[in-house]
């Protein structure tokens, strides 16, 4: 990947003249089943450009209460676009109940904002959305006159888990955001896919929010390698997560949720959680915090031996604590 970056042919992407960026965009829209694509620095910016393109100031989007586009992107849609979020609780499988979505769509009345967009997330905290649900969501938004955006930061994890082509997941969506980093291993970058008209408008918003880059082919080259060589490899991450969950399940003090593709979640008392995080970090293991749980994520830098090491370190922590 670094070799590809060093050898990348570049131009000025602000003027659409970077051949490596153009190749990445063509690859992305072809693979995901869209007319056009736009390379952006981050998933947050990709989602923001999508929201700004779909909605006007004063419009509303329906989104999950714990969705990345609502909770973890700094409120950009509201701050930059004046777009009102209507959050709903996710169901246990990571979906949004479409009957509940229907109930919060605002009537055509000057007292209310206009509901324009439904945002889904796949994977949602590692959970893959059911394929039949996705098609029901597409039919639902068409019947309600809404647009449909997918935060597909880890969409290739979902396609590998379902053993289907990624276009089977994206079919019917108006826009999809895909991260080239995370499990695919690129150092930076995401791609936003949609129709030609949609991407033309999103391109303008990318400029507005500071995403115009010059010789961006240097980083786009890493994204090409990610798409060509790293997608099938995600199955290894899923297998490692399964082994991790299996090993940690044997620790009585832990409540293990997962595996969900490449994620495992742990529930334990807050006081113990803080001590555990500090203990394992000193031994080279980083555990991510969530609202009320600890999150562990496998990726291309984690091997089978690492999983064994992690399980043994966790066991050592609780053994020492119980002996004290």
Protein backbone atom coordinates (compact mmCIF):
# COMPACT_ATOMS: atom_id res chain seq x y z
CA UNK A 1 0.00 0.00 0.00
CA UNK A 2 2.84 2.43 0.80
CA UNK A 3 4.57 1.45 -2.43
CA UNK A 4 1.39 2.23 -4.37
CA UNK A 5 1.18 5.60 -2.65
CA UNK A 6 4.80 6.42 -3.48
CA UNK A 7 4.32 5.50 -7.15
CA UNK A 8 0.89 7.08 -7.62
CA UNK A 9 0.29 9.19 -10.70
CA UNK A 10 -1.19 12.47 -9.50
CA UNK A 11 -2.85 15.64 -10.73
CA UNK A 12 -5.01 18.35 -9.19
CA UNK A 13 -8.17 16.77 -7.83
CA UNK A 14 -9.79 20.16 -7.17
CA UNK A 15 -10.00 20.40 -10.97
CA UNK A 16 -10.80 16.71 -11.40
CA UNK A 17 -7.37 16.10 -12.93
CA UNK A 18 -5.94 13.48 -10.58
CA UNK A 19 -5.98 10.18 -12.50
CA UNK A 20 -5.58 8.02 -9.39
CA UNK A 21 -8.49 9.70 -7.62
CA UNK A 22 -10.57 9.35 -10.78
CA UNK A 23 -9.72 5.65 -10.98
CA UNK A 24 -10.68 5.11 -7.33
CA UNK A 25 -14.00 6.90 -7.87
CA UNK A 26 -14.76 4.84 -10.98
CA UNK A 27 -13.90 1.61 -9.16
CA UNK A 28 -16.08 2.55 -6.22
CA UNK A 29 -19.24 3.46 -8.11
CA UNK A 30 -18.90 0.39 -10.35
CA UNK A 31 -18.41 -1.93 -7.39
CA UNK A 32 -21.24 -0.48 -5.32
CA UNK A 33 -23.64 -0.07 -8.24
CA UNK A 34 -23.87 3.72 -8.61
CA UNK A 35 -23.41 6.23 -11.41
CA UNK A 36 -20.78 8.34 -9.71
CA UNK A 37 -18.56 8.63 -6.65
CA UNK A 38 -16.62 11.27 -4.73
CA UNK A 39 -13.39 10.75 -2.78
CA UNK A 40 -13.34 12.66 0.53
CA UNK A 41 -10.90 12.82 3.46
CA UNK A 42 -13.14 11.17 6.07
CA UNK A 43 -16.35 9.27 6.71
CA UNK A 44 -17.66 12.17 8.77
CA UNK A 45 -17.22 14.51 5.81
CA UNK A 46 -18.74 11.97 3.46
CA UNK A 47 -21.88 11.66 5.58
CA UNK A 48 -22.06 15.43 6.01
CA UNK A 49 -21.85 16.04 2.27
CA UNK A 50 -24.63 13.49 1.77
CA UNK A 51 -26.90 15.15 4.32
CA UNK A 52 -26.22 18.62 2.91
CA UNK A 53 -27.05 17.36 -0.58
CA UNK A 54 -30.25 15.54 0.34
CA UNK A 55 -31.65 18.20 2.69
CA UNK A 56 -32.16 21.94 2.70
CA UNK A 57 -31.87 24.19 5.74
CA UNK A 58 -34.81 23.49 8.02
CA UNK A 59 -35.36 19.96 6.70
CA UNK A 60 -35.20 16.84 8.89
CA UNK A 61 -33.53 13.46 8.72
CA UNK A 62 -34.56 10.36 10.68
CA UNK A 63 -31.63 8.53 12.23
CA UNK A 64 -30.69 6.09 14.98
CA UNK A 65 -30.13 7.44 18.49
CA UNK A 66 -26.66 5.82 18.58
CA UNK A 67 -25.92 6.28 14.87
CA UNK A 68 -22.56 7.72 13.89
CA UNK A 69 -24.17 10.41 11.71
CA UNK A 70 -26.13 11.68 14.72
CA UNK A 71 -24.07 11.02 17.81
CA UNK A 72 -20.43 10.95 16.75
CA UNK A 73 -20.01 13.58 14.03
CA UNK A 74 -20.09 16.76 16.08
CA UNK A 75 -23.62 17.76 15.08
CA UNK A 76 -22.33 18.85 11.68
CA UNK A 77 -25.66 18.50 9.88
CA UNK A 78 -27.33 20.87 12.36
CA UNK A 79 -24.38 23.25 12.68
CA UNK A 80 -23.44 23.56 9.02
CA UNK A 81 -26.68 22.72 7.26
CA UNK A 82 -29.40 23.71 9.70
CA UNK A 83 -30.76 20.17 9.31
CA UNK A 84 -32.84 18.85 12.20
CA UNK A 85 -32.24 15.26 13.35
CA UNK A 86 -35.11 13.04 14.46
CA UNK A 87 -33.40 10.24 16.40
CA UNK A 88 -35.02 6.89 17.17
CA UNK A 89 -33.78 3.98 19.24
CA UNK A 90 -32.22 1.16 17.26
CA UNK A 91 -33.78 -2.28 17.47
CA UNK A 92 -31.62 -5.07 18.88
CA UNK A 93 -30.57 -6.15 15.37
CA UNK A 94 -29.34 -2.66 14.43
CA UNK A 95 -32.39 -1.74 12.33
CA UNK A 96 -34.81 1.14 12.70
CA UNK A 97 -38.42 -0.04 13.05
CA UNK A 98 -40.08 1.29 9.91
CA UNK A 99 -43.44 1.67 11.67
CA UNK A 100 -41.72 3.93 14.21
CA UNK A 101 -40.07 5.84 11.39
CA UNK A 102 -43.47 6.35 9.76
CA UNK A 103 -44.85 7.69 13.05
CA UNK A 104 -42.26 10.50 13.24
CA UNK A 105 -42.52 11.69 9.62
CA UNK A 106 -43.88 15.20 9.86
CA UNK A 107 -47.14 16.20 8.16
CA UNK A 108 -47.16 18.82 5.42
CA UNK A 109 -47.94 21.68 7.77
CA UNK A 110 -46.10 24.99 8.40
CA UNK A 111 -45.83 24.08 12.08
CA UNK A 112 -43.37 21.31 11.23
CA UNK A 113 -40.08 20.81 9.49
CA UNK A 114 -40.05 18.68 6.33
CA UNK A 115 -38.85 15.12 6.74
CA UNK A 116 -36.58 14.47 3.76
CA UNK A 117 -34.25 11.60 4.56
CA UNK A 118 -33.87 8.28 6.35
CA UNK A 119 -30.33 7.35 7.40
CA UNK A 120 -29.36 3.75 8.10
CA UNK A 121 -26.03 2.33 9.27
CA UNK A 122 -24.45 -0.96 8.14
CA UNK A 123 -22.77 -2.43 10.05
CA UNK A 124 -24.40 -0.93 13.14
CA UNK A 125 -22.03 -1.53 16.08
CA UNK A 126 -20.83 -4.54 14.11
CA UNK A 127 -24.31 -5.92 13.42
CA UNK A 128 -25.20 -6.55 9.78
CA UNK A 129 -28.62 -5.35 8.73
CA UNK A 130 -30.83 -8.18 7.35
CA UNK A 131 -30.98 -8.18 3.55
CA UNK A 132 -34.76 -8.41 3.48
CA UNK A 133 -34.98 -5.41 5.83
CA UNK A 134 -32.89 -3.31 3.45
CA UNK A 135 -35.29 -3.98 0.60
CA UNK A 136 -38.26 -3.19 2.84
CA UNK A 137 -36.57 0.09 3.77
CA UNK A 138 -36.14 0.95 0.09
CA UNK A 139 -39.82 0.29 -0.61
CA UNK A 140 -40.77 2.25 2.50
CA UNK A 141 -38.93 5.46 1.58
CA UNK A 142 -40.30 5.32 -1.95
CA UNK A 143 -43.83 5.13 -0.59
CA UNK A 144 -43.15 8.06 1.75
CA UNK A 145 -41.31 10.28 -0.72
CA UNK A 146 -38.05 10.21 1.28
CA UNK A 147 -34.42 9.83 0.30
CA UNK A 148 -32.38 6.94 1.73
CA UNK A 149 -28.74 7.28 2.81
CA UNK A 150 -26.51 4.49 4.11
CA UNK A 151 -23.60 5.13 6.41
CA UNK A 152 -21.72 2.10 5.14
CA UNK A 153 -18.44 2.79 6.90
CA UNK A 154 -18.05 -0.98 7.33
CA UNK A 155 -20.31 -2.10 4.52
CA UNK A 156 -17.74 -4.58 3.21
CA UNK A 157 -17.80 -6.31 6.60
CA UNK A 158 -21.53 -6.74 6.02
CA UNK A 159 -21.10 -8.09 2.49
CA UNK A 160 -18.46 -10.58 3.63
CA UNK A 161 -20.59 -11.69 6.58
CA UNK A 162 -23.64 -12.20 4.33
CA UNK A 163 -21.48 -13.70 1.56
CA UNK A 164 -23.08 -11.44 -1.03
CA UNK A 165 -21.82 -8.82 -3.43
CA UNK A 166 -21.76 -5.38 -1.85
CA UNK A 167 -24.10 -4.10 -4.57
CA UNK A 168 -26.77 -6.46 -3.21
CA UNK A 169 -26.68 -4.38 -0.02
CA UNK A 170 -26.55 -0.93 -1.63
CA UNK A 171 -29.27 -1.55 -4.23
CA UNK A 172 -32.04 1.02 -3.95
CA UNK A 173 -30.18 3.50 -1.74
CA UNK A 174 -29.87 7.07 -2.97
CA UNK A 175 -26.40 7.45 -1.48
CA UNK A 176 -23.83 5.36 0.35
CA UNK A 177 -20.73 6.38 2.28
CA UNK A 178 -17.86 3.86 2.49
CA UNK A 179 -14.71 4.09 4.61
CA UNK A 180 -11.48 2.92 3.00
CA UNK A 181 -9.76 2.94 6.36
CA UNK A 182 -10.90 0.81 9.31
CA UNK A 183 -10.90 -2.85 8.27
CA UNK A 184 -9.79 -2.12 4.70
CA UNK A 185 -6.55 -0.66 6.04
CA UNK A 186 -6.09 2.59 4.09
CA UNK A 187 -4.58 5.39 6.19
CA UNK A 188 -7.30 7.90 5.31
CA UNK A 189 -10.27 8.49 3.06
CA UNK A 190 -13.86 7.59 2.28
CA UNK A 191 -15.97 7.46 -0.86
CA UNK A 192 -19.50 8.83 -1.29
CA UNK A 193 -21.55 7.17 -4.03
CA UNK A 194 -24.78 8.30 -5.70
CA UNK A 195 -26.29 9.47 -8.97
CA UNK A 196 -24.37 11.85 -11.23
CA UNK A 197 -26.57 14.79 -10.22
CA UNK A 198 -26.22 13.92 -6.55
CA UNK A 199 -22.43 13.70 -6.73
CA UNK A 200 -22.22 16.99 -8.62
CA UNK A 201 -23.99 18.69 -5.72
CA UNK A 202 -21.99 16.76 -3.12
CA UNK A 203 -18.79 17.87 -4.88
CA UNK A 204 -19.77 21.50 -4.24
CA UNK A 205 -20.46 20.74 -0.57
CA UNK A 206 -17.11 18.97 -0.27
CA UNK A 207 -15.46 22.22 -1.28
CA UNK A 208 -17.58 24.23 1.18
CA UNK A 209 -16.62 22.04 4.13
CA UNK A 210 -12.93 22.05 3.26
CA UNK A 211 -12.54 18.73 1.49
CA UNK A 212 -10.94 19.93 -1.72
CA UNK A 213 -7.49 18.32 -2.06
CA UNK A 214 -4.76 18.78 -4.62
CA UNK A 215 -2.49 15.79 -5.41
CA UNK A 216 -4.85 13.48 -3.55
CA UNK A 217 -3.87 10.48 -5.67
CA UNK A 218 -1.16 9.77 -3.11
CA UNK A 219 -3.81 8.73 -0.60
CA UNK A 220 -6.34 7.53 -3.17
CA UNK A 221 -3.78 4.92 -4.26
CA UNK A 222 -4.06 3.34 -0.82
CA UNK A 223 -7.82 3.20 -1.27
CA UNK A 224 -7.41 1.33 -4.56
CA UNK A 225 -5.22 -1.27 -2.87
CA UNK A 226 -7.79 -1.53 -0.08
CA UNK A 227 -10.61 -2.29 -2.53
CA UNK A 228 -8.54 -4.67 -4.63
CA UNK A 229 -6.79 -6.64 -1.89
CA UNK A 230 -8.39 -6.17 1.51
CA UNK A 231 -12.10 -6.96 1.15
CA UNK A 232 -11.97 -10.77 1.20
CA UNK A 233 -9.44 -10.60 4.03
CA UNK A 234 -12.14 -9.17 6.33
CA UNK A 235 -13.30 -12.75 6.94
CA UNK A 236 -10.12 -13.21 9.00
CA UNK A 237 -11.12 -10.31 11.24
CA UNK A 238 -14.52 -11.91 11.78
CA UNK A 239 -12.89 -15.23 12.67
CA UNK A 240 -10.55 -13.50 15.10
CA UNK A 241 -13.48 -11.71 16.74
CA UNK A 242 -15.26 -15.04 17.14
CA UNK A 243 -12.18 -16.56 18.78
CA UNK A 244 -11.85 -13.54 21.05
CA UNK A 245 -15.47 -13.75 22.16
CA UNK A 246 -15.12 -17.48 22.77
CA UNK A 247 -12.03 -16.99 24.93
CA UNK A 248 -13.47 -14.15 26.97
CA UNK A 249 -16.76 -15.95 27.55
CA UNK A 250 -14.91 -18.25 29.94
CA UNK A 251 -14.19 -15.35 32.31
CA UNK A 252 -17.03 -15.27 34.85
CA UNK A 253 -16.68 -11.58 35.64
CA UNK A 254 -17.35 -10.53 32.04
CA UNK A 255 -20.60 -10.34 30.11
CA UNK A 256 -19.68 -10.82 26.46
CA UNK A 257 -21.84 -9.53 23.59
CA UNK A 258 -20.71 -10.81 20.22
CA UNK A 259 -19.04 -11.47 17.99
CA UNK A 260 -20.70 -9.00 15.65
CA UNK A 261 -18.56 -9.18 12.50
CA UNK A 262 -15.24 -7.76 13.79
CA UNK A 263 -16.51 -6.40 17.12
CA UNK A 264 -16.90 -7.81 20.62
CA UNK A 265 -18.50 -5.86 23.48
CA UNK A 266 -17.88 -6.37 27.18
CA UNK A 267 -20.10 -5.30 30.06
CA UNK A 268 -18.79 -5.03 33.61
CA UNK A 269 -18.93 -2.56 36.47
CA UNK A 270 -17.54 0.91 35.65
CA UNK A 271 -14.92 0.78 38.40
CA UNK A 272 -13.58 -2.58 37.25
CA UNK A 273 -13.72 -1.44 33.62
CA UNK A 274 -11.39 1.49 34.28
CA UNK A 275 -8.90 -0.70 36.12
CA UNK A 276 -9.09 -3.29 33.35
CA UNK A 277 -8.49 -0.73 30.60
CA UNK A 278 -5.45 0.65 32.41
CA UNK A 279 -4.08 -2.85 33.08
CA UNK A 280 -4.36 -4.09 29.51
CA UNK A 281 -3.14 -0.83 27.98
CA UNK A 282 0.17 -1.21 29.81
CA UNK A 283 0.43 -4.55 28.01
CA UNK A 284 -0.22 -3.11 24.55
CA UNK A 285 -3.96 -3.78 24.34
CA UNK A 286 -6.32 -0.87 23.63
CA UNK A 287 -10.00 -1.28 24.48
CA UNK A 288 -12.38 1.37 23.16
CA UNK A 289 -15.02 2.91 25.45
CA UNK A 290 -18.68 3.17 24.55
CA UNK A 291 -21.59 4.67 26.46
CA UNK A 292 -21.90 1.74 28.86
CA UNK A 293 -19.65 -1.00 27.48
CA UNK A 294 -16.12 -1.74 26.33
CA UNK A 295 -15.57 -2.32 22.63
CA UNK A 296 -12.91 -4.58 21.15
CA UNK A 297 -12.31 -4.51 17.39
CA UNK A 298 -10.21 -6.88 15.29
CA UNK A 299 -8.44 -5.62 12.16
CA UNK A 300 -5.65 -6.44 9.72
CA UNK A 301 -2.91 -5.78 12.30
CA UNK A 302 -4.33 -8.43 14.66
CA UNK A 303 -3.25 -12.06 14.21
CA UNK A 304 -4.31 -15.34 15.83
CA UNK A 305 -1.47 -15.16 18.35
CA UNK A 306 -2.64 -11.71 19.40
CA UNK A 307 -6.07 -13.09 20.26
CA UNK A 308 -4.47 -15.70 22.54
CA UNK A 309 -2.38 -12.98 24.18
CA UNK A 310 -5.42 -10.78 24.81
CA UNK A 311 -7.43 -13.59 26.38
CA UNK A 312 -4.52 -14.56 28.63
CA UNK A 313 -3.96 -10.95 29.75
CA UNK A 314 -7.66 -10.59 30.62
CA UNK A 315 -7.56 -13.82 32.59
CA UNK A 316 -4.45 -12.64 34.42
CA UNK A 317 -6.14 -9.39 35.39
CA UNK A 318 -9.14 -11.08 36.97
CA UNK A 319 -6.99 -13.77 38.60
CA UNK A 320 -4.87 -11.09 40.26
CA UNK A 321 -7.94 -9.11 41.30
CA UNK A 322 -9.63 -12.15 42.82
CA UNK A 323 -6.44 -13.11 44.67
CA UNK A 324 -6.04 -9.65 46.22
